[in-house]
Protein backbone atom coordinates (compact mmCIF):
# COMPACT_ATOMS: atom_id res chain seq x y z
CA MET A 1 0.00 0.00 0.00
CA ARG A 2 2.84 2.39 0.85
CA ILE A 3 4.49 1.75 -2.52
CA GLN A 4 1.22 2.39 -4.34
CA ARG A 5 0.76 5.72 -2.59
CA LYS A 6 4.28 6.77 -3.60
CA ASN A 7 3.55 5.82 -7.18
CA LEU A 8 0.39 7.93 -7.16
CA GLY A 9 2.47 10.98 -6.30
CA ILE A 10 4.84 10.58 -9.25
CA PRO A 11 2.55 12.31 -11.83
CA TYR A 12 2.14 15.33 -9.56
CA VAL A 13 5.87 15.56 -8.96
CA LEU A 14 6.54 15.39 -12.70
CA PHE A 15 3.91 18.05 -13.34
CA LEU A 16 5.50 20.38 -10.78
CA LEU A 17 8.97 19.81 -12.18
CA LEU A 18 7.96 20.40 -15.79
CA PHE A 19 5.47 23.27 -15.44
CA VAL A 20 6.54 25.04 -12.22
CA VAL A 21 10.15 24.36 -11.29
CA ALA A 22 11.59 24.30 -14.82
CA PRO A 23 9.97 27.59 -15.98
CA LEU A 24 11.02 29.30 -12.74
CA ALA A 25 14.57 28.04 -13.21
CA VAL A 26 14.65 29.49 -16.73
CA LEU A 27 13.22 32.74 -15.41
CA PHE A 28 15.85 33.00 -12.68
CA TYR A 29 18.61 32.15 -15.17
CA TYR A 30 17.72 34.94 -17.59
CA ALA A 31 17.00 37.43 -14.81
CA PHE A 32 20.46 37.10 -13.26
CA THR A 33 22.56 36.70 -16.39
CA ASN A 34 23.56 38.90 -19.30
CA GLY A 35 23.74 38.19 -23.01
CA SER A 36 26.97 36.23 -22.49
CA GLY A 37 25.44 33.98 -19.83
CA GLN A 38 27.47 35.55 -17.03
CA PHE A 39 25.97 36.24 -13.61
CA THR A 40 24.98 39.87 -13.10
CA LEU A 41 22.74 42.08 -11.00
CA MET A 42 22.51 44.77 -13.65
CA ASN A 43 19.02 43.68 -14.67
CA PHE A 44 17.81 44.28 -11.12
CA VAL A 45 19.71 47.55 -10.76
CA GLY A 46 18.60 48.67 -14.21
CA PHE A 47 14.94 48.22 -13.34
CA PHE A 48 15.09 50.46 -10.27
CA SER A 49 17.41 53.01 -11.89
CA ASN A 50 15.33 53.46 -15.04
CA PRO A 51 12.73 56.23 -14.60
CA ASN A 52 10.55 54.74 -17.34
CA THR A 53 10.22 51.36 -15.65
CA LEU A 54 9.71 52.95 -12.24
CA GLY A 55 7.08 55.26 -13.70
CA THR A 56 5.31 52.29 -15.24
CA LEU A 57 5.45 50.45 -11.92
CA VAL A 58 3.97 53.41 -10.03
CA TYR A 59 1.29 53.95 -12.68
CA SER A 60 0.41 50.25 -12.61
CA PHE A 61 0.18 50.40 -8.82
CA ALA A 62 -2.15 53.39 -9.09
CA ILE A 63 -4.46 51.66 -11.56
CA ALA A 64 -4.45 48.43 -9.55
CA ALA A 65 -5.02 50.26 -6.24
CA VAL A 66 -7.95 52.29 -7.54
CA THR A 67 -9.44 49.25 -9.26
CA THR A 68 -9.13 47.18 -6.09
CA PHE A 69 -10.65 49.95 -3.97
CA VAL A 70 -13.62 50.30 -6.32
CA CYS A 71 -14.09 46.52 -6.41
CA VAL A 72 -14.13 46.37 -2.59
CA LEU A 73 -16.66 49.21 -2.39
CA LEU A 74 -18.94 47.47 -4.88
CA ALA A 75 -18.36 43.86 -3.85
CA TYR A 76 -18.65 44.06 -0.06
CA PRO A 77 -22.24 45.38 0.11
CA ILE A 78 -23.30 42.89 -2.56
CA ALA A 79 -21.60 39.96 -0.82
CA TYR A 80 -22.90 41.03 2.60
CA ILE A 81 -26.50 41.35 1.41
CA LEU A 82 -26.35 38.00 -0.38
CA ALA A 83 -24.74 36.22 2.57
CA THR A 84 -27.09 37.59 5.24
CA SER A 85 -30.35 37.65 3.28
CA ARG A 86 -32.99 34.95 3.51
CA ILE A 87 -33.59 34.72 -0.22
CA ARG A 88 -34.49 31.19 -1.20
CA ALA A 89 -32.86 31.47 -4.60
CA LYS A 90 -29.64 32.85 -3.13
CA SER A 91 -27.48 30.51 -5.18
CA ALA A 92 -29.22 31.68 -8.35
CA VAL A 93 -28.51 35.32 -7.48
CA VAL A 94 -24.85 34.50 -6.86
CA MET A 95 -24.81 32.75 -10.22
CA ILE A 96 -25.89 35.99 -11.88
CA PHE A 97 -22.69 37.66 -10.71
CA VAL A 98 -20.57 34.67 -11.72
CA LEU A 99 -22.23 34.22 -15.12
CA PRO A 100 -20.20 36.94 -16.90
CA MET A 101 -17.06 34.92 -16.15
CA TRP A 102 -18.43 32.16 -18.39
CA ILE A 103 -18.84 34.48 -21.37
CA ASN A 104 -15.97 34.90 -23.79
CA PHE A 105 -13.54 37.53 -22.55
CA SER A 106 -13.30 39.28 -25.91
CA LEU A 107 -17.07 39.58 -26.22
CA ARG A 108 -17.42 41.11 -22.77
CA ILE A 109 -14.69 43.69 -23.29
CA THR A 110 -15.97 44.53 -26.78
CA ALA A 111 -19.45 45.12 -25.36
CA LEU A 112 -17.97 47.32 -22.64
CA LYS A 113 -16.03 49.28 -25.24
CA GLU A 114 -19.24 50.00 -27.15
CA VAL A 115 -20.94 51.20 -23.99
CA LEU A 116 -18.02 53.46 -23.06
CA THR A 117 -17.83 54.82 -26.61
CA PHE A 118 -21.52 55.69 -26.46
CA LEU A 119 -21.18 57.38 -23.07
CA GLU A 120 -17.83 59.14 -23.51
CA GLY A 121 -17.34 59.45 -27.24
CA ASN A 122 -13.55 59.33 -27.53
CA LEU A 123 -12.10 56.66 -25.26
CA ALA A 124 -8.60 58.11 -25.57
CA MET A 125 -9.68 61.20 -23.62
CA HIS A 126 -10.03 59.25 -20.36
CA PRO A 127 -7.32 56.54 -20.37
CA PHE A 128 -7.01 56.16 -16.58
CA LEU A 129 -10.77 56.14 -16.04
CA ASN A 130 -11.32 53.62 -18.83
CA ALA A 131 -8.57 51.41 -17.41
CA VAL A 132 -10.23 51.38 -13.99
CA ILE A 133 -13.68 50.73 -15.47
CA GLY A 134 -12.39 47.91 -17.66
CA MET A 135 -10.43 46.26 -14.85
CA THR A 136 -13.33 46.61 -12.41
CA TYR A 137 -15.76 45.11 -14.88
CA ASP A 138 -13.43 42.19 -15.50
CA PHE A 139 -12.37 41.41 -11.91
CA LEU A 140 -15.43 42.30 -9.80
CA PRO A 141 -16.68 38.68 -9.55
CA PHE A 142 -13.28 37.66 -8.16
CA MET A 143 -13.85 40.11 -5.30
CA ILE A 144 -17.46 39.17 -4.63
CA LEU A 145 -17.00 35.42 -4.32
CA PRO A 146 -14.34 35.22 -1.55
CA ILE A 147 -16.09 37.90 0.53
CA TYR A 148 -19.44 36.17 0.11
CA THR A 149 -17.95 32.81 1.07
CA THR A 150 -16.27 34.24 4.18
CA ILE A 151 -19.34 36.10 5.44
CA SER A 152 -21.69 33.18 4.76
CA ARG A 153 -19.50 30.93 6.94
CA LEU A 154 -19.46 33.25 9.95
CA ASP A 155 -21.02 31.86 13.10
CA ALA A 156 -24.36 33.61 13.69
CA SER A 157 -24.01 33.05 17.43
CA LEU A 158 -21.26 35.69 17.50
CA LEU A 159 -23.70 38.38 16.39
CA GLU A 160 -26.29 37.08 18.86
CA ALA A 161 -23.73 37.28 21.65
CA ALA A 162 -22.81 40.83 20.61
CA ALA A 163 -26.48 41.82 20.69
CA ASP A 164 -26.91 40.22 24.13
CA LEU A 165 -23.98 42.29 25.37
CA GLY A 166 -25.70 45.48 24.23
CA ALA A 167 -24.01 46.06 20.89
CA SER A 168 -26.06 47.82 18.24
CA PRO A 169 -26.25 46.30 14.73
CA ARG A 170 -23.69 48.87 13.58
CA GLU A 171 -21.30 48.05 16.40
CA ALA A 172 -21.78 44.31 15.84
CA PHE A 173 -20.91 44.77 12.17
CA LEU A 174 -17.82 46.90 12.85
CA LYS A 175 -16.48 44.77 15.71
CA VAL A 176 -17.52 41.26 14.63
CA THR A 177 -18.53 40.88 10.98
CA LEU A 178 -16.02 43.24 9.38
CA PRO A 179 -12.90 41.97 11.25
CA LEU A 180 -13.83 38.32 10.67
CA SER A 181 -14.47 38.96 6.97
CA MET A 182 -11.00 40.43 6.44
CA PRO A 183 -9.55 37.12 5.13
CA GLY A 184 -12.15 37.18 2.35
CA ILE A 185 -11.39 40.81 1.58
CA LEU A 186 -7.64 40.18 1.44
CA SER A 187 -8.19 37.11 -0.72
CA GLY A 188 -10.23 39.21 -3.13
CA VAL A 189 -7.59 41.94 -3.09
CA SER A 190 -4.89 39.45 -4.05
CA MET A 191 -7.10 38.16 -6.88
CA VAL A 192 -7.76 41.67 -8.21
CA PHE A 193 -4.75 43.86 -7.42
CA LEU A 194 -2.00 41.74 -8.98
CA PRO A 195 -3.82 40.85 -12.23
CA ALA A 196 -4.88 44.49 -12.60
CA MET A 197 -1.20 45.45 -12.70
CA THR A 198 -0.45 43.16 -15.63
CA ASN A 199 -3.63 42.56 -17.65
CA TYR A 200 -2.84 44.86 -20.54
CA VAL A 201 -5.20 42.95 -22.88
CA VAL A 202 -8.18 44.81 -21.41
CA LEU A 203 -6.53 48.14 -22.14
CA ASP A 204 -5.52 47.13 -25.66
CA MET A 205 -9.08 46.08 -26.47
CA LEU A 206 -10.39 49.38 -25.15
CA TYR A 207 -7.98 51.22 -27.49
CA ASN A 208 -6.26 52.53 -24.39
CA SER A 209 -2.73 53.90 -24.63
CA THR A 210 -2.11 53.22 -20.93
CA TYR A 211 1.17 51.39 -20.36
CA ILE A 212 1.24 49.01 -17.38
CA MET A 213 3.58 46.28 -16.14
CA GLY A 214 2.13 43.62 -18.41
CA SER A 215 2.73 45.86 -21.41
CA LEU A 216 6.27 46.51 -20.20
CA ILE A 217 7.07 42.79 -19.88
CA GLY A 218 5.60 42.16 -23.31
CA SER A 219 7.70 44.91 -24.85
CA TYR A 220 10.91 43.49 -23.33
CA PHE A 221 10.26 40.01 -24.68
CA SER A 222 9.12 41.38 -28.04
CA ALA A 223 12.47 43.15 -28.29
CA TYR A 224 14.20 39.84 -27.40
CA ASN A 225 15.42 41.30 -24.11
CA TRP A 226 14.59 38.18 -22.12
CA HIS A 227 16.93 39.18 -19.32
CA GLY A 228 15.15 42.43 -18.49
CA GLY A 229 11.71 40.91 -18.98
CA SER A 230 12.55 37.98 -16.71
CA MET A 231 13.73 40.33 -13.96
CA ILE A 232 10.48 42.30 -14.12
CA ALA A 233 8.53 39.04 -13.95
CA LEU A 234 10.53 38.01 -10.85
CA ILE A 235 9.84 41.35 -9.18
CA LEU A 236 6.11 40.84 -9.74
CA LEU A 237 6.49 37.29 -8.42
CA ALA A 238 8.02 38.71 -5.24
CA ILE A 239 5.01 41.00 -4.88
CA ILE A 240 2.70 38.00 -5.27
CA CYS A 241 4.61 36.13 -2.55
CA LEU A 242 4.30 39.15 -0.26
CA PHE A 243 0.55 39.31 -0.79
CA THR A 244 0.26 35.58 -0.14
CA PHE A 245 2.24 35.94 3.09
CA LEU A 246 0.06 38.82 4.27
CA GLN A 247 -3.07 36.90 3.34
CA GLY A 248 -1.95 33.87 5.35
CA ASN A 249 -1.19 36.01 8.40
CA THR A 250 -4.55 37.76 8.15
CA GLU A 251 -6.44 34.48 7.88
CA GLU A 252 -4.58 33.13 10.90
CA SER A 253 -5.25 36.24 12.97
CA GLY A 254 -8.89 36.16 11.85
CA ALA A 255 -9.21 32.55 12.98
CA ASN A 256 -7.61 33.39 16.32
CA ARG A 257 -9.93 36.37 16.72
CA GLY A 258 -12.92 34.20 15.95
CA GLY A 259 -11.76 31.63 18.49
CA ALA A 260 -11.33 34.36 21.09
CA LEU A 261 -14.84 35.64 20.42
CA LEU A 262 -16.23 32.15 20.84
């Protein structure tokens, strides 16, 4: 039996080696080497010393931050109402918000472009606004679902205990529901913020001239500068790891807070 279990793990190990470890190894190799294959840190130094790349990074952060903020503002009330309501067809209502994810990406963005063209006329006049609208439209379901899942799993007895102790509904929300729903919020943030920094396809389809990190990486590889593009990809990977670390800490503190409340 022990041998059979080891054999069952072989396909997963091969998959990880071929599609995770090997690509990362190639990425690290090009990021820390030059055209002659010699080890160098110039790619890293060049990224942070180039005003164009730093400007693109800051601009991408701005678009991602605003998009994430708007998604939280829109998603939290929706998720909270769905999770706490007594609607019988609650799953069907949730499906309505998930349904756009099943439609072809190109069709959705093309439809949005037509709407924005009708409302604004020339899309090029509002590049930052169009970028935020396009990203929000694309990633909003990814913010709603984790928040909805987290709130729907909260123990109702915590709110009852808060009410018994004299807390108003507002105080119960601020001191119980909101803190315990932070893992869902952070999970949604990680699913929206990082893709919003790199998903330049949305901007290209909206005829947007906005240049973000995804566009920058694409331009490096298009110019056959794999070394610079790989370093930028590694920097974004480090940001992803940081978000994952913060998310894990928040979920752990949220669980400890919930246990303390119980």
